Amino acid sequence: MNPSLRNAWPTLAIMMGASVWGMVWYPLRMLNALGVTGTAASALTSGAGCLFVLLVRRSAIKTVRWHWLLPALALFAGITNLGFVWGAIHGQVMRVLLLFYLTPAWTALFAHFILHERLTWAGAGLAALSLAGAMMMLWSPQLGLPVPGSLAEWAGLAAGMSFAMSNVLILKTSRELPRMKAEMRTAVIFGGAAIFGSCASLFESMPTPPAGADIGMAVFLVLAIGLVLATNNMLVQYGLARVPANRASIIMLFEIVVTALTAWLFAGEVPGPREWAGGACIVLASALSSWVHRTKAGDGAGAGDSAKMGANPNPADANPDNDGKNRPRAMV
């Protein structure tokens, strides 16, 4: 195979993964229209994804060892997935996604207190830049304080905070359980999202459930979304294992482009000037976050698993399954 073409496959894999995340909100809204709530959709699709990973990578199950970090990771993964799914279904998807992308601000703080990583002036500045972008996007004379204006936006904000915590816990898990395969962390993430979504659905009023032909369509969408997200996770892991983490995190911002395009085409959502300006600050902070971080071991390739649908738009750890030269890394 042509070397240039071979080197292009990992980048293409990451872009395809970002595209899936940028479009997945639409079939989730289709499920909601059929009578499957956001909490139920989160539980069902995550459960399907977990089952698929365990079946395909069942040989890796033996690498799992009990550690308190696993239920903690499952919990925050569940909050992340439910917040993202519920927010994307019920809110303006672009605003929800941009609030989700405040992750660098929360990751810098969580990594400082949990992993004892030094919070540099550059990291603090990027956190401030992303928060300033959020305030710019959320402020309006009518609403006053720059805070989320709907439950869906609060859900997106909470999902981003939990996503940052999940990234930190993934890094800590890879350090504490270095022999545990990345696919099993993915299974923990999907499983946690399924359990948390199931528990949350008990407190949500259920609409009229699907009936007749809608049942078949709902089952098809649940299985299809779970299969696509699980496959997408493994595809992205292939790319992240072969692309430098700083480049990968920038490539994954393609998700925002796809989300903006699909929100305009399918939902008629057009961001205003404040959304564009605030979003630009958040995206810039996310893009620069990978460049200001320094590790003792130098730059390594990310393995990439995460809580948002089992894949990571900000790679948070190096591959612990390689020859041992790369050590886990956290993003600022």
Foldseek 3Di string as FASTA:
>chain_A
DPPVVVLVQLLVLLLVLLLCLLPVLVLLLVLVVLFQALLNLLQLLLVLLLVVLCVVPVVLPVLDDDDPLLLVLLQLLQLLASLLNNLSNPHLNLLLQLLLLLLLLLLLVCCCVPVVDDNDPLSNVLNVLLVVLQQLLQDDPVVHGRDDDDSSSVSSNSSSNSQSVSLSSVQVCCVVRVSRAPSVSLSSLSNSNNVSSVVVVVVDDTDDHHDDVSVVVSVVSSNVSSVVLSVSLVSNLVSQQSDWLLVSLLSSCVSSVSNQVCCCVPVVDHDDPSNVRSSVSSSVSSNCQQVPDADPLGIHGASFFTSHSGGDSRGFFHRSPPPNSGHTHGTD
